[in-house]
Amino acid sequence: MRSILPLFVVLVLVASCSEYQKVLKNEDVKAKYDMAQKFYDEGDYKRAKRLFEQIAPKYVGRPQGERVMFFFADSYFKTKDYYLSGYQFERFIKSYPRSDKIQEASFLGAKSYYELSPSYSLDQTDTNKALAKLQTFINTYPESEFFEEANAMAKELTSKKEKKQIEIAKQFNKLGKFNYPILVSALTALDNFVSDNPGSIYREEALYYRIEAATSLALNSTENRKKERLEDAMASYNNLLRYFPDSQFKKKADDLSEKIQKELAAYSTSK
């Protein structure tokens, strides 16, 4: 029995593959449909996808067309071919706006682009597209069973975009230590970040790095701009402590504050 069982399994697999190849080359659309549905139900999405791809154009305008198109898109999703699943779900939504599957298709289409979202350091075109689709889904289907997952994905992608923005601002700040005019760009980037992302998890970090950039710029300014910029740096310090009195950056911020106050005192004395 131990030797017969593996042989039986092999024979079943060979027969299945042979039948699949036969139907794949056959012109019988119904046979392709039945086998595609069978593979889909069994979780063999790769082979189901190939069959659905062949028959999808044949079912346009037919009663089964809606079903075929949804399973075709979902087969791409299940095999992690997210570019094509996103595209196929978009086609499904446009073709069948009143379908019972429209809510699920909208969610999976948005999730396809979520899965395509790259690391924060790379181009965020797919992230922006995913966020737009997720927001549309959230606004359209607030009672959906997928609402919480969609909301969590949207928050994650928003944080990823914020991470990219704060890292760019920090890079300006770092470069500004060797080329002081770049600090003006760092300050602009940090101000924009704080203004545009009031609830960001990176807000505290942005407020601290603004102190750092403002202090460096002030200490290396010409005399006619120095006092104004020192006061701006001090205002940045006060702003951090106003919102984050127990900031993780407090020790470093206090050190910068001491430098600012010494320079302001020296400036006043010299005047």
Protein backbone atom coordinates (compact mmCIF):
# COMPACT_ATOMS: atom_id res chain seq x y z
CA MET A 1 0.00 0.00 0.00
CA ARG A 2 2.87 2.36 0.82
CA SER A 3 4.29 1.97 -2.67
CA ILE A 4 0.91 2.07 -4.43
CA LEU A 5 -0.34 5.32 -2.81
CA PRO A 6 2.43 7.63 -4.16
CA LEU A 7 2.02 6.02 -7.58
CA PHE A 8 -1.72 6.68 -7.47
CA VAL A 9 -1.13 10.34 -6.59
CA VAL A 10 1.32 10.70 -9.48
CA LEU A 11 -1.15 9.13 -11.89
CA VAL A 12 -3.91 11.51 -10.74
CA LEU A 13 -1.63 14.52 -11.20
CA VAL A 14 -0.57 13.35 -14.67
CA ALA A 15 -4.19 12.80 -15.67
CA SER A 16 -5.14 16.23 -14.33
CA CYS A 17 -2.33 17.94 -16.23
CA SER A 18 -3.21 16.03 -19.38
CA GLU A 19 -6.87 17.03 -19.09
CA TYR A 20 -5.87 20.66 -18.42
CA GLN A 21 -3.63 20.79 -21.49
CA LYS A 22 -6.36 19.23 -23.58
CA VAL A 23 -9.01 21.77 -22.50
CA LEU A 24 -6.50 24.61 -22.82
CA LYS A 25 -6.04 23.82 -26.52
CA ASN A 26 -9.73 23.06 -27.06
CA GLU A 27 -12.10 25.58 -28.65
CA ASP A 28 -14.96 24.52 -26.38
CA VAL A 29 -15.63 27.64 -24.30
CA LYS A 30 -18.01 25.84 -21.92
CA ALA A 31 -15.38 23.20 -21.15
CA LYS A 32 -12.84 25.93 -20.41
CA TYR A 33 -15.35 27.71 -18.18
CA ASP A 34 -16.15 24.58 -16.18
CA MET A 35 -12.48 23.70 -15.68
CA ALA A 36 -11.54 27.30 -14.80
CA GLN A 37 -14.27 27.32 -12.16
CA LYS A 38 -13.09 23.92 -10.86
CA PHE A 39 -9.48 25.10 -10.53
CA TYR A 40 -10.58 28.35 -8.90
CA ASP A 41 -12.71 26.52 -6.33
CA GLU A 42 -9.77 24.19 -5.57
CA GLY A 43 -7.40 27.13 -5.08
CA ASP A 44 -5.37 26.44 -8.21
CA TYR A 45 -5.49 30.09 -9.25
CA LYS A 46 -2.58 29.92 -11.67
CA ARG A 47 -4.27 27.47 -14.00
CA ALA A 48 -7.69 29.03 -13.42
CA LYS A 49 -6.27 32.41 -14.43
CA ARG A 50 -4.95 31.08 -17.72
CA LEU A 51 -8.32 29.60 -18.64
CA PHE A 52 -10.27 32.69 -17.56
CA GLU A 53 -7.91 34.77 -19.69
CA GLN A 54 -8.89 32.73 -22.74
CA ILE A 55 -12.64 32.83 -22.18
CA ALA A 56 -13.17 36.32 -20.70
CA PRO A 57 -13.59 38.03 -24.14
CA LYS A 58 -16.11 35.32 -25.13
CA TYR A 59 -18.37 36.10 -22.18
CA VAL A 60 -18.62 39.86 -22.62
CA GLY A 61 -22.32 40.76 -22.60
CA ARG A 62 -23.37 37.25 -21.55
CA PRO A 63 -24.98 36.38 -18.19
CA GLN A 64 -21.84 34.60 -16.96
CA GLY A 65 -19.61 37.53 -18.00
CA GLU A 66 -19.80 39.23 -14.60
CA ARG A 67 -18.80 36.04 -12.80
CA VAL A 68 -15.94 35.28 -15.20
CA MET A 69 -14.55 38.79 -15.03
CA PHE A 70 -14.55 38.86 -11.21
CA PHE A 71 -12.87 35.46 -10.87
CA PHE A 72 -10.37 36.43 -13.57
CA ALA A 73 -9.37 39.57 -11.63
CA ASP A 74 -9.33 37.67 -8.33
CA SER A 75 -7.11 34.95 -9.82
CA TYR A 76 -4.52 37.62 -10.61
CA PHE A 77 -4.84 38.90 -7.03
CA LYS A 78 -4.51 35.42 -5.51
CA THR A 79 -1.34 34.79 -7.54
CA LYS A 80 0.08 38.15 -6.39
CA ASP A 81 0.08 39.66 -9.87
CA TYR A 82 -1.09 42.95 -8.38
CA TYR A 83 -0.58 45.23 -11.38
CA LEU A 84 -2.94 43.13 -13.45
CA SER A 85 -5.40 42.45 -10.63
CA GLY A 86 -5.69 46.20 -10.01
CA TYR A 87 -6.32 46.77 -13.71
CA GLN A 88 -8.83 43.91 -14.01
CA PHE A 89 -10.78 44.99 -10.92
CA GLU A 90 -10.99 48.51 -12.38
CA ARG A 91 -12.45 47.00 -15.57
CA PHE A 92 -14.92 44.96 -13.54
CA ILE A 93 -16.10 48.02 -11.60
CA LYS A 94 -16.65 49.99 -14.81
CA SER A 95 -18.38 47.08 -16.56
CA TYR A 96 -20.62 45.98 -13.66
CA PRO A 97 -21.30 48.98 -11.38
CA ARG A 98 -24.45 47.32 -9.97
CA SER A 99 -22.88 43.94 -9.28
CA ASP A 100 -23.27 42.25 -5.90
CA LYS A 101 -19.48 41.95 -6.00
CA ILE A 102 -18.83 45.66 -6.56
CA GLN A 103 -17.89 46.35 -2.93
CA GLU A 104 -15.44 43.45 -2.77
CA ALA A 105 -14.00 44.34 -6.17
CA SER A 106 -13.48 47.95 -5.08
CA PHE A 107 -11.69 46.79 -1.95
CA LEU A 108 -9.49 44.26 -3.72
CA GLY A 109 -8.67 46.75 -6.47
CA ALA A 110 -7.50 49.23 -3.83
CA LYS A 111 -5.62 46.50 -1.98
CA SER A 112 -3.83 45.55 -5.21
CA TYR A 113 -2.27 49.02 -5.34
CA TYR A 114 -1.57 48.86 -1.60
CA GLU A 115 0.46 45.70 -2.23
CA LEU A 116 2.37 47.53 -4.98
CA SER A 117 3.33 50.43 -2.67
CA PRO A 118 7.15 50.43 -2.42
CA SER A 119 9.52 51.40 0.37
CA TYR A 120 9.15 55.04 1.50
CA SER A 121 12.50 55.92 -0.10
CA LEU A 122 11.23 55.09 -3.61
CA ASP A 123 8.75 56.78 -5.95
CA GLN A 124 5.31 56.86 -4.32
CA THR A 125 3.07 56.91 -7.41
CA ASP A 126 1.48 53.56 -6.54
CA THR A 127 1.13 54.66 -2.91
CA ASN A 128 -0.79 57.75 -4.01
CA LYS A 129 -3.02 55.67 -6.26
CA ALA A 130 -3.69 53.15 -3.47
CA LEU A 131 -4.51 55.94 -1.02
CA ALA A 132 -6.94 57.55 -3.45
CA LYS A 133 -8.72 54.23 -4.06
CA LEU A 134 -8.78 53.32 -0.37
CA GLN A 135 -10.21 56.72 0.52
CA THR A 136 -12.90 56.34 -2.12
CA PHE A 137 -13.77 52.91 -0.74
CA ILE A 138 -13.84 54.19 2.86
CA ASN A 139 -16.10 57.10 1.91
CA THR A 140 -18.41 54.96 -0.23
CA TYR A 141 -18.74 51.89 1.99
CA PRO A 142 -18.47 52.97 5.65
CA GLU A 143 -20.49 49.91 6.76
CA SER A 144 -18.41 47.42 4.79
CA GLU A 145 -16.89 44.32 6.36
CA PHE A 146 -13.63 45.49 4.75
CA PHE A 147 -13.81 48.98 6.27
CA GLU A 148 -11.43 48.42 9.19
CA GLU A 149 -8.80 46.75 7.01
CA ALA A 150 -9.08 49.51 4.41
CA ASN A 151 -8.73 52.15 7.11
CA ALA A 152 -5.64 50.43 8.57
CA MET A 153 -4.03 50.23 5.12
CA ALA A 154 -4.77 53.91 4.45
CA LYS A 155 -3.14 54.91 7.76
CA GLU A 156 -0.09 52.79 6.99
CA LEU A 157 0.34 54.35 3.55
CA THR A 158 -0.17 57.85 4.95
CA SER A 159 2.58 57.22 7.50
CA LYS A 160 4.83 55.94 4.71
CA LYS A 161 4.37 59.17 2.75
CA GLU A 162 5.02 61.21 5.89
CA LYS A 163 8.18 59.18 6.51
CA LYS A 164 9.42 60.08 3.04
CA GLN A 165 8.69 63.78 3.62
CA ILE A 166 10.43 63.91 7.00
CA GLU A 167 13.47 62.04 5.67
CA ILE A 168 13.81 64.53 2.80
CA ALA A 169 13.65 67.41 5.28
CA LYS A 170 16.25 65.72 7.51
CA GLN A 171 18.49 65.22 4.49
CA PHE A 172 18.28 68.96 3.73
CA ASN A 173 19.21 69.61 7.35
CA LYS A 174 22.19 67.26 7.13
CA LEU A 175 23.45 68.79 3.87
CA GLY A 176 22.96 72.25 5.33
CA LYS A 177 25.78 71.66 7.81
CA PHE A 178 28.18 71.84 4.88
CA ASN A 179 26.23 74.29 2.74
CA TYR A 180 24.31 76.71 4.96
CA PRO A 181 21.89 78.11 2.32
CA ILE A 182 20.38 74.61 2.07
CA LEU A 183 19.14 75.08 5.64
CA VAL A 184 16.54 77.48 4.27
CA SER A 185 15.16 74.58 2.22
CA ALA A 186 15.25 72.37 5.33
CA LEU A 187 13.21 74.93 7.28
CA THR A 188 10.68 75.26 4.47
CA ALA A 189 10.33 71.47 4.20
CA LEU A 190 9.89 71.08 7.96
CA ASP A 191 7.37 73.95 8.17
CA ASN A 192 5.37 72.44 5.31
CA PHE A 193 5.46 69.03 6.97
CA VAL A 194 4.15 70.33 10.30
CA SER A 195 1.46 72.37 8.56
CA ASP A 196 0.32 69.60 6.21
CA ASN A 197 0.44 66.72 8.71
CA PRO A 198 -0.90 67.97 12.07
CA GLY A 199 -1.64 64.46 13.36
CA SER A 200 1.51 62.77 12.11
CA ILE A 201 3.51 60.38 14.29
CA TYR A 202 6.57 62.24 12.98
CA ARG A 203 5.40 65.68 14.17
CA GLU A 204 7.63 65.67 17.26
CA GLU A 205 10.62 64.73 15.14
CA ALA A 206 9.88 67.50 12.64
CA LEU A 207 9.59 70.13 15.39
CA TYR A 208 12.94 69.08 16.86
CA TYR A 209 14.80 69.11 13.54
CA ARG A 210 13.40 72.55 12.88
CA ILE A 211 15.21 73.75 16.03
CA GLU A 212 18.40 72.14 14.79
CA ALA A 213 18.14 73.68 11.31
CA ALA A 214 17.10 77.11 12.63
CA THR A 215 19.95 77.17 15.15
CA SER A 216 22.59 76.19 12.58
CA LEU A 217 21.31 78.84 10.19
CA ALA A 218 21.24 81.54 12.89
CA LEU A 219 24.74 80.78 14.19
CA ASN A 220 26.16 81.04 10.69
CA SER A 221 24.23 84.12 9.57
CA THR A 222 25.52 87.58 8.84
CA GLU A 223 25.14 90.13 11.67
CA ASN A 224 22.15 91.85 10.10
CA ARG A 225 20.16 88.58 10.02
CA LYS A 226 21.54 86.90 13.13
CA LYS A 227 19.23 88.27 15.85
CA GLU A 228 16.08 87.60 13.84
CA ARG A 229 17.16 84.05 13.14
CA LEU A 230 18.22 83.37 16.73
CA GLU A 231 14.77 84.46 17.88
CA ASP A 232 13.20 82.19 15.28
CA ALA A 233 15.29 79.28 16.56
CA MET A 234 14.19 80.05 20.13
CA ALA A 235 10.57 80.13 19.01
CA SER A 236 11.10 76.66 17.49
CA TYR A 237 12.40 75.39 20.82
CA ASN A 238 9.38 76.80 22.66
CA ASN A 239 7.08 75.27 20.07
CA LEU A 240 8.49 71.79 20.62
CA LEU A 241 8.05 72.00 24.38
CA ARG A 242 4.55 73.44 24.03
CA TYR A 243 3.34 70.36 22.19
CA PHE A 244 5.77 67.79 23.63
CA PRO A 245 6.87 68.87 27.14
CA ASP A 246 8.41 65.42 27.76
CA SER A 247 9.92 65.14 24.28
CA GLN A 248 12.41 62.40 23.57
CA PHE A 249 14.56 65.16 22.06
CA LYS A 250 14.38 67.43 25.12
CA LYS A 251 18.04 67.00 26.19
CA LYS A 252 19.35 67.86 22.71
CA ALA A 253 16.82 70.67 22.38
CA ASP A 254 17.90 72.11 25.76
CA ASP A 255 21.54 72.10 24.60
CA LEU A 256 20.60 74.02 21.48
CA SER A 257 18.50 76.44 23.56
CA GLU A 258 21.55 77.24 25.71
CA LYS A 259 23.59 78.07 22.60
CA ILE A 260 20.81 80.28 21.28
CA GLN A 261 20.45 82.17 24.57
CA LYS A 262 24.20 82.71 24.89
CA GLU A 263 24.34 84.10 21.37
CA LEU A 264 21.35 86.35 22.02
CA ALA A 265 22.96 87.61 25.25
CA ALA A 266 26.26 88.22 23.49
CA TYR A 267 24.47 89.96 20.65
CA SER A 268 22.62 92.25 23.09
CA THR A 269 25.86 93.05 24.97
CA SER A 270 27.74 93.93 21.80
CA LYS A 271 24.93 96.22 20.73
